[in-house]
Amino acid sequence: MDFSFKYDGRAAAEHHVDMRQLGESLIGLDRIANTGLIALSDYRFPKQRERFPLNIVAEKPQAGSLEIVATLQSVGPVVMPLVHDMFRDRAKAILWDWTSWVFLMAGGRESDAAGHFNKLAELTKEIHQGRFESEQANRDFMLEVLDKVLPATKKAVSPVGYTADELIIPQPDNPSVLTRIDHPTADVIRSGGQLEIGDMATFVVRVDALTRHNRTVRLELEGDEGRYITGFVSDPLFDEVENMYLSALANRGWIAVTAKPGLARDQSVRRLYISDARSE
């Protein structure tokens, strides 16, 4: 039984991810998976250092991408309870919905997470009929488990925004269906709820500084001159020798960028995730 996840973009596109960030990410992913399997199968929180009787073993990265394929293996000759046996057979589908729900909730994307939660709730209701008190009680339990793995989500997204643009989790039985954890979502996860992502919009900005290797710009917003924020640029034109961002820096002129804003709790813009730019 295989379950995979992929780091895409930036250095990951050339099959490179910072070793420290990759290590943290793998530890975080393992914690999220193990906690979810125990919580969903036994309807309780894991004990300290407890492992679900199913190993998650990373295989070598696949050619052509930095993709980690994890093989789910039964642990030795242990006789597992019936519920665990069911989870062994359905583990990869359960893990996809569980990890997708955890990352999307931690990243502030509750509407995207809803479908995954509904599948997990139906599963819980099916196998824990005698202990299933109510829909609300089940949701409260799931949210408590989510709270316990939030530190692990921060580890899991370590490469995103640095040596990778996104973490991708394909649905095991239909790899064209993807859960994407992009740079804005990863920053929300790292912020612990202090940041939220607004809708894509146009912003008029002035470039004060530019760093090519990590694709960032230091910006002023029109109407809020003197306060500087960071822009993270995914626009492919940023890599050109001559581009709009360099011209704006040299001329100290204003340009219009299409971006998603990163908002503080007071709704002030703290950062921009820029997809393109044009002359103002």
Protein backbone atom coordinates (compact mmCIF):
# COMPACT_ATOMS: atom_id res chain seq x y z
CA MET A 1 0.00 0.00 0.00
CA ASP A 2 1.64 3.26 -1.11
CA PHE A 3 0.99 6.81 0.04
CA SER A 4 2.99 9.65 -1.46
CA PHE A 5 3.69 13.33 -1.09
CA LYS A 6 5.72 15.63 -3.29
CA TYR A 7 7.72 18.84 -2.89
CA ASP A 8 7.43 20.96 -6.02
CA GLY A 9 8.94 24.19 -7.35
CA ARG A 10 12.16 26.09 -6.58
CA ALA A 11 15.08 23.78 -5.73
CA ALA A 12 12.68 20.83 -5.43
CA ALA A 13 12.06 21.07 -9.18
CA GLU A 14 15.72 20.02 -9.59
CA HIS A 15 15.31 17.23 -6.99
CA HIS A 16 16.92 19.24 -4.17
CA VAL A 17 15.46 20.15 -0.79
CA ASP A 18 17.42 21.45 2.20
CA MET A 19 18.29 18.37 4.32
CA ARG A 20 17.33 19.97 7.63
CA GLN A 21 13.98 21.13 6.26
CA LEU A 22 13.34 17.73 4.67
CA GLY A 23 14.12 15.95 7.95
CA GLU A 24 11.77 18.18 9.91
CA SER A 25 9.08 17.71 7.28
CA LEU A 26 9.31 13.91 7.41
CA ILE A 27 9.14 13.90 11.21
CA GLY A 28 6.08 16.16 11.11
CA LEU A 29 4.33 14.05 8.48
CA ASP A 30 4.99 10.87 10.48
CA ARG A 31 3.57 12.44 13.65
CA ILE A 32 0.43 13.61 11.84
CA ALA A 33 -0.14 10.20 10.23
CA ASN A 34 0.51 8.15 13.37
CA THR A 35 -1.67 10.36 15.58
CA GLY A 36 -4.52 10.25 13.08
CA LEU A 37 -4.48 6.48 12.66
CA ILE A 38 -4.61 5.90 16.43
CA ALA A 39 -7.23 8.58 17.10
CA LEU A 40 -9.54 7.45 14.32
CA SER A 41 -9.18 3.71 14.91
CA ASP A 42 -9.40 3.72 18.73
CA TYR A 43 -11.35 6.97 19.21
CA ARG A 44 -8.84 8.26 21.76
CA PHE A 45 -5.66 10.28 21.99
CA PRO A 46 -2.35 8.42 21.50
CA LYS A 47 -0.26 7.62 24.55
CA GLN A 48 3.25 9.00 24.74
CA ARG A 49 5.48 7.35 22.09
CA GLU A 50 2.67 5.01 21.05
CA ARG A 51 2.83 3.73 17.49
CA PHE A 52 -0.03 2.46 15.36
CA PRO A 53 0.69 -1.17 14.29
CA LEU A 54 1.41 -0.09 10.73
CA ASN A 55 4.82 1.22 9.73
CA ILE A 56 5.22 4.11 7.30
CA VAL A 57 8.44 3.43 5.41
CA ALA A 58 9.82 6.02 2.99
CA GLU A 59 11.18 4.60 -0.24
CA LYS A 60 13.79 6.28 -2.45
CA PRO A 61 12.62 9.43 -4.30
CA GLN A 62 11.13 8.75 -7.70
CA ALA A 63 12.97 9.86 -10.84
CA GLY A 64 11.75 13.14 -12.30
CA SER A 65 10.51 14.74 -9.09
CA LEU A 66 11.23 15.09 -5.42
CA GLU A 67 8.45 12.73 -4.47
CA ILE A 68 8.53 10.61 -1.33
CA VAL A 69 6.63 7.33 -1.61
CA ALA A 70 5.74 5.80 1.75
CA THR A 71 4.90 2.11 1.93
CA LEU A 72 2.44 1.12 4.66
CA GLN A 73 3.56 -2.14 6.23
CA SER A 74 1.99 -4.31 8.94
CA VAL A 75 4.19 -4.66 12.01
CA GLY A 76 5.43 -8.25 12.34
CA PRO A 77 3.08 -11.10 13.20
CA VAL A 78 1.04 -9.04 15.63
CA VAL A 79 -2.65 -9.94 15.62
CA MET A 80 -4.47 -6.63 15.24
CA PRO A 81 -7.97 -5.87 16.51
CA LEU A 82 -10.71 -5.92 13.89
CA VAL A 83 -10.79 -2.12 13.69
CA HIS A 84 -7.03 -1.99 13.11
CA ASP A 85 -7.42 -4.67 10.47
CA MET A 86 -9.97 -2.47 8.70
CA PHE A 87 -7.62 0.49 8.91
CA ARG A 88 -4.78 -1.54 7.47
CA ASP A 89 -6.90 -2.30 4.41
CA ARG A 90 -8.11 1.29 4.00
CA ALA A 91 -5.12 3.12 5.46
CA LYS A 92 -3.96 5.02 2.40
CA ALA A 93 -7.42 6.49 1.69
CA ILE A 94 -7.90 7.35 5.37
CA LEU A 95 -4.45 8.96 5.53
CA TRP A 96 -5.14 11.11 2.48
CA ASP A 97 -8.36 12.52 3.94
CA TRP A 98 -6.79 12.89 7.39
CA THR A 99 -3.59 14.66 6.29
CA SER A 100 -5.52 16.82 3.82
CA TRP A 101 -8.01 17.87 6.51
CA VAL A 102 -5.25 18.62 9.04
CA PHE A 103 -3.18 20.78 6.67
CA LEU A 104 -6.16 22.65 5.23
CA MET A 105 -7.61 23.39 8.67
CA ALA A 106 -4.23 24.50 10.05
CA GLY A 107 -3.82 26.69 6.96
CA GLY A 108 -7.14 28.47 7.47
CA ARG A 109 -8.87 26.81 4.50
CA GLU A 110 -11.90 25.40 6.30
CA SER A 111 -14.17 25.35 3.24
CA ASP A 112 -11.60 23.24 1.34
CA ALA A 113 -11.26 20.94 4.36
CA ALA A 114 -15.00 20.26 4.75
CA GLY A 115 -15.22 17.38 2.27
CA HIS A 116 -12.35 15.55 3.96
CA PHE A 117 -13.93 16.02 7.38
CA ASN A 118 -17.24 14.61 6.17
CA LYS A 119 -15.52 11.42 4.98
CA LEU A 120 -13.65 11.06 8.27
CA ALA A 121 -16.84 11.67 10.27
CA GLU A 122 -18.68 8.95 8.33
CA LEU A 123 -15.82 6.55 8.93
CA THR A 124 -15.79 7.30 12.66
CA LYS A 125 -19.55 6.85 12.87
CA GLU A 126 -19.33 3.54 11.00
CA ILE A 127 -16.71 1.87 13.18
CA HIS A 128 -17.48 3.42 16.57
CA GLN A 129 -21.27 3.14 16.64
CA GLY A 130 -21.43 2.31 20.34
CA ARG A 131 -19.26 5.29 21.32
CA PHE A 132 -20.55 7.84 18.83
CA GLU A 133 -22.49 10.31 20.99
CA SER A 134 -23.37 12.98 18.44
CA GLU A 135 -22.11 14.80 15.36
CA GLN A 136 -21.02 17.71 17.54
CA ALA A 137 -19.20 15.50 20.03
CA ASN A 138 -17.34 13.84 17.16
CA ARG A 139 -16.39 17.22 15.69
CA ASP A 140 -15.15 18.39 19.09
CA PHE A 141 -13.01 15.25 19.41
CA MET A 142 -11.54 15.73 15.93
CA LEU A 143 -10.71 19.36 16.67
CA GLU A 144 -8.95 18.31 19.88
CA VAL A 145 -6.83 15.85 17.91
CA LEU A 146 -6.11 18.57 15.35
CA ASP A 147 -4.91 20.85 18.13
CA LYS A 148 -2.44 18.19 19.27
CA VAL A 149 -0.82 17.87 15.82
CA LEU A 150 -0.56 21.59 15.01
CA PRO A 151 3.13 21.71 16.06
CA ALA A 152 3.76 18.81 13.67
CA THR A 153 2.13 20.71 10.79
CA LYS A 154 4.68 23.50 11.24
CA LYS A 155 7.50 20.97 10.90
CA ALA A 156 5.85 19.28 7.93
CA VAL A 157 5.74 22.46 5.84
CA SER A 158 9.36 23.45 6.64
CA PRO A 159 10.56 23.39 2.99
CA VAL A 160 7.54 25.28 1.59
CA GLY A 161 8.41 28.86 0.68
CA TYR A 162 12.14 28.18 0.98
CA THR A 163 13.41 25.27 -1.12
CA ALA A 164 9.98 24.26 -2.48
CA ASP A 165 6.92 26.21 -3.64
CA GLU A 166 4.41 23.68 -2.34
CA LEU A 167 3.78 20.34 -0.69
CA ILE A 168 1.47 18.15 -2.78
CA ILE A 169 -0.45 15.13 -1.48
CA PRO A 170 -2.00 13.06 -4.30
CA GLN A 171 -5.09 10.97 -3.65
CA PRO A 172 -3.68 7.40 -3.67
CA ASP A 173 -6.32 5.85 -5.93
CA ASN A 174 -6.65 8.90 -8.21
CA PRO A 175 -3.30 10.74 -8.39
CA SER A 176 -4.76 13.55 -10.51
CA VAL A 177 -6.73 14.70 -7.43
CA LEU A 178 -4.31 16.73 -5.32
CA THR A 179 -4.21 18.50 -1.99
CA ARG A 180 -1.83 21.44 -2.46
CA ILE A 181 -0.20 23.22 0.46
CA ASP A 182 1.22 26.34 -1.17
CA HIS A 183 3.43 29.09 0.25
CA PRO A 184 0.57 31.26 1.61
CA THR A 185 -1.04 28.24 3.31
CA ALA A 186 2.31 27.21 4.80
CA ASP A 187 2.84 30.71 6.20
CA VAL A 188 -0.58 30.62 7.87
CA ILE A 189 0.36 27.27 9.43
CA ARG A 190 3.68 28.67 10.67
CA SER A 191 1.97 31.77 12.08
CA GLY A 192 -0.23 29.71 14.39
CA GLY A 193 -3.35 31.58 13.33
CA GLN A 194 -1.82 35.07 13.46
CA LEU A 195 -2.00 35.40 9.67
CA GLU A 196 -4.84 34.88 7.19
CA ILE A 197 -4.83 34.96 3.40
CA GLY A 198 -7.11 37.35 1.54
CA ASP A 199 -8.54 37.06 -1.95
CA MET A 200 -6.45 37.73 -5.04
CA ALA A 201 -6.47 41.46 -5.83
CA THR A 202 -4.47 44.23 -7.49
CA PHE A 203 -2.10 46.31 -5.35
CA VAL A 204 -0.08 49.36 -6.38
CA VAL A 205 3.40 49.09 -4.89
CA ARG A 206 6.88 50.58 -5.01
CA VAL A 207 9.90 48.24 -4.90
CA ASP A 208 12.53 49.27 -2.34
CA ALA A 209 14.75 46.18 -2.46
CA LEU A 210 14.95 42.88 -4.31
CA THR A 211 16.60 39.53 -3.56
CA ARG A 212 16.84 37.19 -6.51
CA HIS A 213 17.84 33.91 -4.86
CA ASN A 214 14.78 33.69 -2.61
CA ARG A 215 12.44 35.62 -4.95
CA THR A 216 11.49 38.33 -2.47
CA VAL A 217 10.94 42.08 -2.76
CA ARG A 218 10.67 44.79 -0.13
CA LEU A 219 7.62 46.92 -0.89
CA GLU A 220 5.68 50.04 0.00
CA LEU A 221 1.93 50.06 -0.60
CA GLU A 222 0.38 53.09 -2.26
CA GLY A 223 -1.39 55.08 0.43
CA ASP A 224 0.76 53.56 3.17
CA GLU A 225 4.16 54.95 2.22
CA GLY A 226 6.95 54.54 4.74
CA ARG A 227 5.76 51.13 5.97
CA TYR A 228 7.54 48.23 4.32
CA ILE A 229 6.26 44.72 3.75
CA THR A 230 7.68 41.62 2.05
CA GLY A 231 6.49 40.37 -1.30
CA PHE A 232 7.03 36.74 -2.34
CA VAL A 233 7.15 36.51 -6.13
CA SER A 234 6.04 33.42 -8.09
CA ASP A 235 5.88 35.33 -11.41
CA PRO A 236 8.12 33.46 -13.94
CA LEU A 237 9.24 36.83 -15.38
CA PHE A 238 11.06 37.52 -12.11
CA ASP A 239 13.85 35.21 -13.37
CA GLU A 240 14.44 37.25 -16.53
CA VAL A 241 17.65 39.29 -16.69
CA GLU A 242 15.57 42.43 -17.26
CA ASN A 243 12.14 42.47 -15.69
CA MET A 244 9.41 44.73 -14.33
CA TYR A 245 10.57 44.37 -10.73
CA LEU A 246 14.16 45.41 -11.46
CA SER A 247 12.95 48.37 -13.53
CA ALA A 248 10.64 49.47 -10.73
CA LEU A 249 13.51 49.24 -8.25
CA ALA A 250 15.83 51.28 -10.48
CA ASN A 251 13.22 53.94 -11.29
CA ARG A 252 11.58 54.10 -7.85
CA GLY A 253 8.30 54.01 -9.76
CA TRP A 254 4.95 52.44 -8.91
CA ILE A 255 3.77 49.18 -10.46
CA ALA A 256 0.54 47.20 -10.16
CA VAL A 257 0.87 43.62 -8.92
CA THR A 258 -1.67 40.82 -8.78
CA ALA A 259 -1.32 39.16 -5.40
CA LYS A 260 -2.92 37.42 -2.46
CA PRO A 261 -2.43 39.47 0.71
CA GLY A 262 -1.26 38.03 4.00
CA LEU A 263 -3.35 39.82 6.62
CA ALA A 264 -2.76 40.38 10.32
CA ARG A 265 -5.64 40.04 12.76
CA ASP A 266 -6.37 43.77 12.39
CA GLN A 267 -6.69 43.13 8.61
CA SER A 268 -3.61 45.18 7.77
CA VAL A 269 -1.54 43.84 4.87
CA ARG A 270 1.68 42.27 6.16
CA ARG A 271 2.92 40.48 3.04
CA LEU A 272 1.98 39.88 -0.59
CA TYR A 273 2.15 36.66 -2.62
CA ILE A 274 2.68 38.08 -6.11
CA SER A 275 1.80 36.22 -9.31
CA ASP A 276 2.40 38.99 -11.90
CA ALA A 277 3.07 42.70 -12.39
CA ARG A 278 2.38 45.47 -14.90
CA SER A 279 3.22 49.15 -15.32
CA GLU A 280 1.05 51.57 -13.41
